[in-house]
Amino acid sequence: MKPKFICRSPGKKSVKIIQRDSKVISPSLTREYSFVFKRSKGCYIWDVDGRKYLDFSASVAVMGAGHTNPVVSKAIAAQSRLGYHCGFSDFYAELPVQFVEQLVTFLPKHLNTAFLSNSGTEAIEAAYKLARWHTNKKWAVAFKPAFHGRTMGSLSLTNSKAVHKNRFGPFMPVKHAPYPYCYRCPSGKDKHNTCSNLYLSELEKIMRQCKDNLAAVFLEPIAGEGGYIVPPKGFVKGVRELCDKYDALLCDDEVQAGCYRTGKFLAIENFGVKPDIVSLSKAIGGGIPLGATVANKKIMDWVPGTHANTFGGNLLACAAGIATLKYMRRKRLGENAARMGKLMMKRLHEIKEAHEIVGDVRGLGLMIGVEIVKDKESKRYGIGERNQILCKASEKGLLLLPAGTSTIRICPPLVLTKTQALQGMDILEDAIREVSQ
């Protein structure tokens, strides 16, 4: 059986590996391109056939410090000579403590205690369990669209695509409120105050339904998989106020948006809001699986045995995490993300004005969404057009990812240079122009 290629057929070496993949790898994985990774450096990736790509995906927002960062590589190599794993849930070790000590210096002072894990979905699972333990309440509220992971607790919070949840119920006690999507605000207006008030009203109705049994509200400060949707500042502040009003914890999902992607270490800092529990992963380990759930010691009051894991506090991951955090601070990657993001947003708004199929451009720092539509007046989703643009861009040497229904996700490594940013914009506009014709 011949493999079905995404975009055009790749090189001969890639074809052979994709054929082998189809025989032994679970078909549940989503593949956006018929691209087979070989090596990477900085903001570039090469496939097994030797083709070089400018990476505007950061391997799904993971490689914030850049691919094969030499500082991170050196830290991993040094630790590998001492030991890989210590069983941190049953024994003590200094390296995980050092990692958390370093991490909390990046966070608001009230966030001072962490549980370590291996991934974003685990970091969310820990936050969900902690919220229920600490409050001794049953319900949680999340948003639609929202993506918090695919394990059963986090999947209960997720409400992004039907395929994520079909045939997996029943789920944990979670209710969903609409996420503010000002470009498609049902009031017919995209004024931020109007949009914010409308969605806060809907959220409060759902919070009231939980009566006095609401443990937490889970919020992505920028909706990631749902379409890189940036909410109004007033909405995020309003969520905090409603959590205080109904005695619920605000759980901040920073898995994709955190680690300086938006310019601030936590994306929620852009809105002037303090969360009760924060979940981090992706970029925090420099490419090594690492997750962290952080709260105040008074909230993280669960007792021994209530939650643990085997690989949390893994020594290689913590070594990589310490090196990544120090590198991000020393190189001021948050400032670079803000600077490059501003440059790219200016160019993208020019592209939007020039092309009928570009409906909306939104983002903070290097977390940018470009929504593709059939036309600006109807705002009908341009799903086919978006997919064609992704293919055209990849053929020209630029790797992008989709998000939401018809949005192009732009999330390059935070070490991106001005030359690379403008090169990527040129390729993207060329792809948009070709699809528009």
Protein backbone atom coordinates (compact mmCIF):
# COMPACT_ATOMS: atom_id res chain seq x y z
CA MET A 1 0.00 0.00 0.00
CA LYS A 2 1.44 3.36 -1.05
CA PRO A 3 1.63 5.98 1.71
CA LYS A 4 -0.56 9.07 1.42
CA PHE A 5 1.70 12.08 1.32
CA ILE A 6 0.80 15.46 2.79
CA CYS A 7 1.64 18.28 0.37
CA ARG A 8 4.01 16.99 -2.31
CA SER A 9 5.92 13.70 -2.24
CA PRO A 10 9.16 14.12 -0.25
CA GLY A 11 12.64 12.83 -1.10
CA LYS A 12 13.50 9.15 -1.47
CA LYS A 13 14.91 8.69 2.05
CA SER A 14 11.84 10.38 3.54
CA VAL A 15 9.48 8.16 1.54
CA LYS A 16 11.12 4.98 2.85
CA ILE A 17 10.90 6.11 6.49
CA ILE A 18 7.29 7.22 6.12
CA GLN A 19 6.47 3.78 4.69
CA ARG A 20 8.08 2.11 7.72
CA ASP A 21 6.30 4.53 10.08
CA SER A 22 2.91 3.58 8.62
CA LYS A 23 3.49 -0.07 9.55
CA VAL A 24 4.41 0.30 13.23
CA ILE A 25 3.37 3.74 14.60
CA SER A 26 -0.08 4.49 16.01
CA PRO A 27 -2.32 6.23 13.44
CA SER A 28 -3.68 8.50 16.21
CA LEU A 29 -0.83 10.97 15.66
CA THR A 30 -1.46 14.08 13.58
CA ARG A 31 1.16 14.80 10.93
CA GLU A 32 1.06 18.17 9.20
CA TYR A 33 3.70 17.43 6.56
CA SER A 34 5.44 14.47 4.95
CA PHE A 35 8.59 15.77 6.60
CA VAL A 36 11.20 13.49 8.19
CA PHE A 37 13.53 15.13 10.71
CA LYS A 38 17.28 14.58 10.55
CA ARG A 39 19.04 17.38 12.46
CA SER A 40 18.54 20.93 13.68
CA LYS A 41 20.37 24.03 14.86
CA GLY A 42 19.10 27.38 16.09
CA CYS A 43 16.07 28.26 13.93
CA TYR A 44 16.75 25.69 11.20
CA ILE A 45 15.84 22.05 10.61
CA TRP A 46 17.14 19.64 7.96
CA ASP A 47 15.23 16.60 6.69
CA VAL A 48 16.78 13.22 5.94
CA ASP A 49 17.13 14.18 2.27
CA GLY A 50 19.26 17.21 3.19
CA ARG A 51 16.69 19.95 2.65
CA LYS A 52 16.96 22.94 4.98
CA TYR A 53 13.91 24.64 6.51
CA LEU A 54 13.42 27.83 8.51
CA ASP A 55 11.45 26.63 11.53
CA PHE A 56 8.46 28.76 12.53
CA SER A 57 6.99 25.93 14.61
CA ALA A 58 9.77 25.46 17.20
CA SER A 59 8.80 21.77 17.17
CA VAL A 60 5.37 22.71 18.56
CA ALA A 61 6.56 25.67 20.67
CA VAL A 62 9.15 23.56 22.51
CA MET A 63 12.47 24.84 21.19
CA GLY A 64 12.26 28.35 22.62
CA ALA A 65 15.99 28.47 23.35
CA GLY A 66 16.73 27.25 19.83
CA HIS A 67 17.43 23.79 18.44
CA THR A 68 20.40 21.89 19.91
CA ASN A 69 21.30 24.87 22.06
CA PRO A 70 25.01 24.35 22.93
CA VAL A 71 24.55 25.50 26.54
CA VAL A 72 21.73 23.03 27.09
CA SER A 73 23.64 20.27 25.29
CA LYS A 74 26.67 20.84 27.53
CA ALA A 75 24.52 20.64 30.69
CA ILE A 76 22.91 17.37 29.54
CA ALA A 77 26.30 15.85 28.68
CA ALA A 78 27.77 16.83 32.04
CA GLN A 79 24.86 15.32 33.97
CA SER A 80 24.87 12.15 31.85
CA ARG A 81 28.29 11.33 33.28
CA LEU A 82 26.87 11.47 36.83
CA GLY A 83 23.49 9.81 36.42
CA TYR A 84 20.27 9.91 34.39
CA HIS A 85 17.57 9.24 36.96
CA CYS A 86 17.23 9.12 40.72
CA GLY A 87 13.61 8.17 41.51
CA PHE A 88 12.85 11.61 42.94
CA SER A 89 9.43 10.63 44.27
CA ASP A 90 11.11 8.19 46.68
CA PHE A 91 14.60 9.63 47.19
CA TYR A 92 16.11 13.08 47.54
CA ALA A 93 18.41 14.78 45.02
CA GLU A 94 19.80 18.31 44.76
CA LEU A 95 19.34 18.91 41.02
CA PRO A 96 15.50 18.98 41.01
CA VAL A 97 15.64 21.34 44.01
CA GLN A 98 18.06 23.59 42.11
CA PHE A 99 15.74 23.60 39.12
CA VAL A 100 12.73 24.68 41.18
CA GLU A 101 14.81 27.26 43.06
CA GLN A 102 15.78 28.70 39.68
CA LEU A 103 12.25 28.50 38.27
CA VAL A 104 10.56 30.42 41.09
CA THR A 105 12.88 33.39 40.51
CA PHE A 106 11.08 33.86 37.17
CA LEU A 107 7.61 33.80 38.76
CA PRO A 108 5.50 36.07 40.97
CA LYS A 109 6.67 35.67 44.58
CA HIS A 110 3.54 33.88 45.78
CA LEU A 111 4.30 30.96 43.44
CA ASN A 112 6.95 29.21 45.52
CA THR A 113 6.31 25.44 45.53
CA ALA A 114 6.40 23.03 42.58
CA PHE A 115 5.45 19.52 41.57
CA LEU A 116 7.62 18.18 38.72
CA SER A 117 6.42 16.00 35.86
CA ASN A 118 7.23 15.20 32.24
CA SER A 119 4.76 16.98 29.98
CA GLY A 120 2.06 19.59 29.64
CA THR A 121 -0.83 17.23 30.12
CA GLU A 122 0.78 15.91 33.34
CA ALA A 123 1.32 19.47 34.58
CA ILE A 124 -2.40 20.13 34.01
CA GLU A 125 -3.43 16.84 35.64
CA ALA A 126 -1.46 17.83 38.73
CA ALA A 127 -3.08 21.29 38.77
CA TYR A 128 -6.55 19.76 38.44
CA LYS A 129 -5.97 17.27 41.23
CA LEU A 130 -4.36 19.89 43.45
CA ALA A 131 -7.28 22.29 42.96
CA ARG A 132 -9.78 19.60 43.93
CA TRP A 133 -7.68 18.48 46.90
CA HIS A 134 -7.07 21.95 48.30
CA THR A 135 -10.66 23.21 47.90
CA ASN A 136 -12.36 19.86 48.53
CA LYS A 137 -14.79 20.88 45.79
CA LYS A 138 -16.02 18.97 42.76
CA TRP A 139 -16.44 21.16 39.68
CA ALA A 140 -14.01 22.91 37.35
CA VAL A 141 -14.77 25.36 34.56
CA ALA A 142 -12.70 25.60 31.38
CA PHE A 143 -13.30 27.25 28.03
CA LYS A 144 -14.28 26.44 24.47
CA PRO A 145 -12.10 26.35 22.50
CA ALA A 146 -9.48 25.20 24.98
CA PHE A 147 -6.72 22.62 24.85
CA HIS A 148 -5.21 21.35 28.10
CA GLY A 149 -4.01 17.88 27.08
CA ARG A 150 -5.26 14.42 26.20
CA THR A 151 -5.00 12.35 29.39
CA MET A 152 -8.37 11.87 31.06
CA GLY A 153 -8.32 14.69 33.60
CA SER A 154 -6.83 17.24 31.20
CA LEU A 155 -9.03 15.89 28.39
CA SER A 156 -12.06 16.66 30.52
CA LEU A 157 -10.89 20.28 30.50
CA THR A 158 -10.04 20.25 26.78
CA ASN A 159 -12.78 21.39 24.40
CA SER A 160 -11.13 22.19 21.09
CA LYS A 161 -11.88 19.53 18.47
CA ALA A 162 -14.48 16.77 18.56
CA VAL A 163 -11.92 14.12 17.63
CA HIS A 164 -10.08 14.72 20.91
CA LYS A 165 -13.07 13.56 22.99
CA ASN A 166 -15.20 11.30 20.81
CA ARG A 167 -15.85 7.88 22.44
CA PHE A 168 -13.76 8.69 25.53
CA GLY A 169 -16.50 9.79 27.93
CA PRO A 170 -17.72 9.92 30.60
CA PHE A 171 -15.45 12.75 31.72
CA MET A 172 -14.62 14.43 35.01
CA PRO A 173 -17.05 17.10 36.31
CA VAL A 174 -16.11 20.05 34.09
CA LYS A 175 -18.28 22.75 32.52
CA HIS A 176 -17.23 24.89 29.57
CA ALA A 177 -17.76 28.57 28.91
CA PRO A 178 -17.13 30.31 25.56
CA TYR A 179 -13.67 31.84 25.16
CA PRO A 180 -13.64 35.49 23.98
CA TYR A 181 -13.06 35.48 20.24
CA CYS A 182 -13.37 39.17 19.37
CA TYR A 183 -12.86 38.63 15.62
CA ARG A 184 -15.98 36.45 15.64
CA CYS A 185 -17.84 38.04 18.57
CA PRO A 186 -21.55 37.02 18.31
CA SER A 187 -22.61 40.57 19.21
CA GLY A 188 -21.42 41.54 15.74
CA LYS A 189 -18.92 43.94 17.23
CA ASP A 190 -15.23 43.47 17.84
CA LYS A 191 -14.83 46.24 20.42
CA HIS A 192 -12.89 44.68 23.26
CA ASN A 193 -15.10 46.01 26.08
CA THR A 194 -18.25 44.69 24.42
CA CYS A 195 -16.61 41.35 23.73
CA SER A 196 -15.17 41.09 27.25
CA ASN A 197 -18.45 41.85 29.02
CA LEU A 198 -20.40 39.42 26.87
CA TYR A 199 -18.09 36.50 27.60
CA LEU A 200 -17.70 37.33 31.30
CA SER A 201 -21.48 37.27 31.62
CA GLU A 202 -21.58 33.79 30.06
CA LEU A 203 -18.77 32.61 32.32
CA GLU A 204 -20.52 33.81 35.46
CA LYS A 205 -23.73 31.99 34.48
CA ILE A 206 -21.80 28.74 34.25
CA MET A 207 -19.90 29.37 37.49
CA ARG A 208 -23.23 29.92 39.26
CA GLN A 209 -24.41 26.51 38.05
CA CYS A 210 -21.67 24.93 40.15
CA LYS A 211 -23.23 26.58 43.22
CA ASP A 212 -20.76 26.37 46.13
CA ASN A 213 -18.92 23.41 44.65
CA LEU A 214 -16.55 25.11 42.16
CA ALA A 215 -12.88 24.23 42.70
CA ALA A 216 -11.19 26.10 39.86
CA VAL A 217 -11.33 27.89 36.54
CA PHE A 218 -8.72 26.75 34.02
CA LEU A 219 -7.59 29.44 31.60
CA GLU A 220 -5.18 29.65 28.69
CA PRO A 221 -4.12 33.32 28.69
CA ILE A 222 -3.90 32.91 24.92
CA ALA A 223 -5.91 30.06 23.42
CA GLY A 224 -3.25 27.89 21.76
CA GLU A 225 -4.55 24.95 19.75
CA GLY A 226 -7.91 26.72 19.55
CA GLY A 227 -6.49 29.30 17.16
CA TYR A 228 -3.94 31.55 18.91
CA ILE A 229 -6.79 33.71 20.12
CA VAL A 230 -5.82 36.70 22.28
CA PRO A 231 -8.56 37.66 24.78
CA PRO A 232 -9.25 41.26 25.85
CA LYS A 233 -7.28 42.40 28.89
CA GLY A 234 -10.54 43.17 30.69
CA PHE A 235 -11.70 39.60 30.23
CA VAL A 236 -8.66 38.05 31.93
CA LYS A 237 -8.94 40.54 34.79
CA GLY A 238 -12.65 39.71 35.01
CA VAL A 239 -11.93 35.98 35.29
CA ARG A 240 -9.68 36.70 38.28
CA GLU A 241 -12.42 38.79 39.88
CA LEU A 242 -15.03 36.08 39.33
CA CYS A 243 -12.73 33.45 40.83
CA ASP A 244 -12.39 35.64 43.93
CA LYS A 245 -16.14 36.21 44.03
CA TYR A 246 -16.99 32.51 43.86
CA ASP A 247 -14.04 31.31 45.98
CA ALA A 248 -12.47 29.34 43.13
CA LEU A 249 -8.81 28.94 42.20
CA LEU A 250 -7.52 30.42 38.94
CA CYS A 251 -5.40 27.79 37.19
CA ASP A 252 -3.19 29.25 34.49
CA ASP A 253 -2.17 26.98 31.61
CA GLU A 254 1.18 28.34 30.42
CA VAL A 255 2.27 25.12 28.69
CA GLN A 256 2.43 26.71 25.24
CA ALA A 257 2.33 30.44 26.03
CA GLY A 258 4.87 30.49 28.86
CA CYS A 259 8.66 30.74 28.99
CA TYR A 260 8.85 34.19 27.33
CA ARG A 261 6.92 33.23 24.18
CA THR A 262 4.74 36.34 24.55
CA GLY A 263 7.59 38.54 25.80
CA LYS A 264 6.74 37.97 29.46
CA PHE A 265 7.82 34.78 31.24
CA LEU A 266 4.16 34.04 31.96
CA ALA A 267 1.69 35.10 29.29
CA ILE A 268 -0.82 36.03 31.97
CA GLU A 269 1.56 38.78 33.12
CA ASN A 270 0.59 40.70 29.97
CA PHE A 271 -2.85 41.10 31.52
CA GLY A 272 -1.73 42.15 35.01
CA VAL A 273 -3.31 39.10 36.66
CA LYS A 274 -1.94 36.77 39.35
CA PRO A 275 -2.97 33.10 39.08
CA ASP A 276 -3.24 30.61 41.96
CA ILE A 277 -1.74 27.60 40.15
CA VAL A 278 0.48 27.65 37.05
CA SER A 279 1.26 24.74 34.71
CA LEU A 280 4.42 24.89 32.59
CA SER A 281 6.07 22.53 30.10
CA LYS A 282 7.17 22.55 26.44
CA ALA A 283 10.00 25.16 26.27
CA ILE A 284 10.95 24.84 29.94
CA GLY A 285 13.18 21.79 29.33
CA GLY A 286 15.02 23.00 26.26
CA GLY A 287 13.73 20.00 24.31
CA ILE A 288 13.88 17.42 27.10
CA PRO A 289 10.47 16.33 28.51
CA LEU A 290 9.79 18.38 31.64
CA GLY A 291 6.68 19.78 33.30
CA ALA A 292 6.07 21.84 36.41
CA THR A 293 2.95 22.71 38.39
CA VAL A 294 3.58 25.69 40.67
CA ALA A 295 1.50 27.20 43.49
CA ASN A 296 1.85 28.82 46.87
CA LYS A 297 2.85 26.46 49.68
CA LYS A 298 -0.51 27.12 51.39
CA ILE A 299 -2.34 25.80 48.29
CA MET A 300 0.04 22.90 47.65
CA ASP A 301 -1.03 21.32 50.94
CA TRP A 302 -1.66 17.76 49.83
CA VAL A 303 -0.18 14.94 51.90
CA PRO A 304 2.37 12.26 50.94
CA GLY A 305 0.90 9.71 48.53
CA THR A 306 -1.83 11.94 47.10
CA HIS A 307 0.15 12.55 43.91
CA ALA A 308 3.51 11.37 42.60
CA ASN A 309 5.16 9.90 39.51
CA THR A 310 8.23 7.96 38.42
CA PHE A 311 10.07 10.36 36.14
CA GLY A 312 9.24 13.76 37.67
CA GLY A 313 12.51 15.38 38.74
CA ASN A 314 14.48 13.38 36.18
CA LEU A 315 18.10 14.45 36.43
CA LEU A 316 18.76 15.00 32.73
CA ALA A 317 15.54 16.98 32.40
CA CYS A 318 16.37 19.17 35.40
CA ALA A 319 19.90 19.80 34.14
CA ALA A 320 18.47 20.84 30.79
CA GLY A 321 15.81 22.96 32.51
CA ILE A 322 18.33 24.87 34.65
CA ALA A 323 20.52 25.58 31.62
CA THR A 324 17.49 26.64 29.54
CA LEU A 325 16.18 29.07 32.15
CA LYS A 326 19.59 30.64 32.70
CA TYR A 327 20.14 30.97 28.95
CA MET A 328 16.73 32.58 28.41
CA ARG A 329 17.42 35.16 31.11
CA ARG A 330 21.01 35.88 30.09
CA LYS A 331 20.13 36.29 26.40
CA ARG A 332 16.97 38.29 27.22
CA LEU A 333 14.84 36.10 25.01
CA GLY A 334 11.66 37.71 26.30
CA GLU A 335 12.83 41.08 25.00
CA ASN A 336 13.77 39.50 21.67
CA ALA A 337 10.37 37.80 21.42
CA ALA A 338 8.62 41.12 21.99
CA ARG A 339 10.87 42.92 19.49
CA MET A 340 10.63 40.29 16.73
CA GLY A 341 6.91 39.87 17.35
CA LYS A 342 6.32 43.60 16.87
CA LEU A 343 8.33 43.53 13.64
CA MET A 344 6.40 40.55 12.29
CA MET A 345 2.99 41.87 13.33
CA LYS A 346 3.64 45.10 11.42
CA ARG A 347 4.49 43.12 8.30
CA LEU A 348 1.53 40.77 8.77
CA HIS A 349 -0.91 43.67 9.02
CA GLU A 350 0.45 44.90 5.69
CA ILE A 351 -0.07 41.42 4.25
CA LYS A 352 -3.60 41.39 5.66
CA GLU A 353 -4.44 44.65 3.89
CA ALA A 354 -3.09 43.32 0.60
CA HIS A 355 -4.81 39.93 0.53
CA GLU A 356 -8.54 39.21 0.74
CA ILE A 357 -8.08 35.78 2.32
CA VAL A 358 -6.23 37.09 5.38
CA GLY A 359 -9.04 37.85 7.82
CA ASP A 360 -7.31 38.49 11.13
CA VAL A 361 -3.82 38.89 12.55
CA ARG A 362 -3.38 38.59 16.31
CA GLY A 363 -0.74 37.72 18.86
CA LEU A 364 1.69 38.71 21.58
CA GLY A 365 5.43 38.36 21.16
CA LEU A 366 6.25 35.32 19.06
CA MET A 367 2.85 33.70 19.56
CA ILE A 368 1.05 34.90 16.44
CA GLY A 369 -2.06 33.69 14.63
CA VAL A 370 -3.03 34.51 11.04
CA GLU A 371 -6.64 33.56 10.35
CA ILE A 372 -7.40 32.62 6.76
CA VAL A 373 -10.91 33.20 5.41
CA LYS A 374 -12.77 32.85 2.13
CA ASP A 375 -13.25 36.61 2.09
CA LYS A 376 -13.13 39.46 4.61
CA GLU A 377 -16.84 40.28 4.43
CA SER A 378 -18.27 36.82 5.15
CA LYS A 379 -15.38 35.65 7.40
CA ARG A 380 -16.10 32.09 6.28
CA TYR A 381 -13.30 29.80 7.41
CA GLY A 382 -10.68 29.26 4.74
CA ILE A 383 -9.71 25.74 5.78
CA GLY A 384 -8.58 24.53 2.35
CA GLU A 385 -6.79 27.79 1.67
CA ARG A 386 -4.97 27.63 5.01
CA ASN A 387 -3.80 24.09 4.31
CA GLN A 388 -2.60 25.07 0.83
CA ILE A 389 -0.63 27.98 2.29
CA LEU A 390 1.08 25.64 4.77
CA CYS A 391 2.05 23.32 1.92
CA LYS A 392 3.27 26.13 -0.33
CA ALA A 393 5.34 27.60 2.51
CA SER A 394 6.93 24.22 3.31
CA GLU A 395 7.84 23.74 -0.34
CA LYS A 396 9.59 27.12 -0.18
CA GLY A 397 11.50 26.10 2.97
CA LEU A 398 9.34 27.44 5.84
CA LEU A 399 7.75 25.16 8.45
CA LEU A 400 4.51 26.43 10.02
CA LEU A 401 1.70 24.77 11.95
CA PRO A 402 -2.09 25.11 11.88
CA ALA A 403 -4.25 26.08 14.85
CA GLY A 404 -7.99 26.37 15.32
CA THR A 405 -10.25 25.97 12.30
CA SER A 406 -8.32 27.97 9.71
CA THR A 407 -5.49 29.78 11.49
CA ILE A 408 -1.78 29.66 10.72
CA ARG A 409 0.26 29.38 13.90
CA ILE A 410 3.57 31.27 14.04
CA CYS A 411 5.75 30.24 16.98
CA PRO A 412 9.45 30.23 16.01
CA PRO A 413 12.32 29.73 18.44
CA LEU A 414 12.82 32.82 20.59
CA VAL A 415 16.39 33.19 19.30
CA LEU A 416 14.93 34.34 15.96
CA THR A 417 16.88 37.12 14.25
CA LYS A 418 15.49 40.06 12.26
CA THR A 419 16.85 38.56 9.03
CA GLN A 420 15.15 35.23 9.74
CA ALA A 421 11.88 36.92 10.74
CA LEU A 422 11.71 38.93 7.52
CA GLN A 423 12.73 35.93 5.43
CA GLY A 424 9.86 33.96 6.94
CA MET A 425 7.42 36.79 6.25
CA ASP A 426 8.55 36.90 2.61
CA ILE A 427 7.98 33.17 2.18
CA LEU A 428 4.60 33.31 3.91
CA GLU A 429 3.41 36.19 1.74
CA ASP A 430 4.57 34.39 -1.41
CA ALA A 431 2.55 31.35 -0.33
CA ILE A 432 -0.52 33.48 0.43
CA ARG A 433 -0.22 35.26 -2.91
CA GLU A 434 -0.07 31.98 -4.82
CA VAL A 435 -3.11 30.56 -3.05
CA SER A 436 -5.04 33.82 -3.49
CA GLN A 437 -4.64 33.75 -7.30
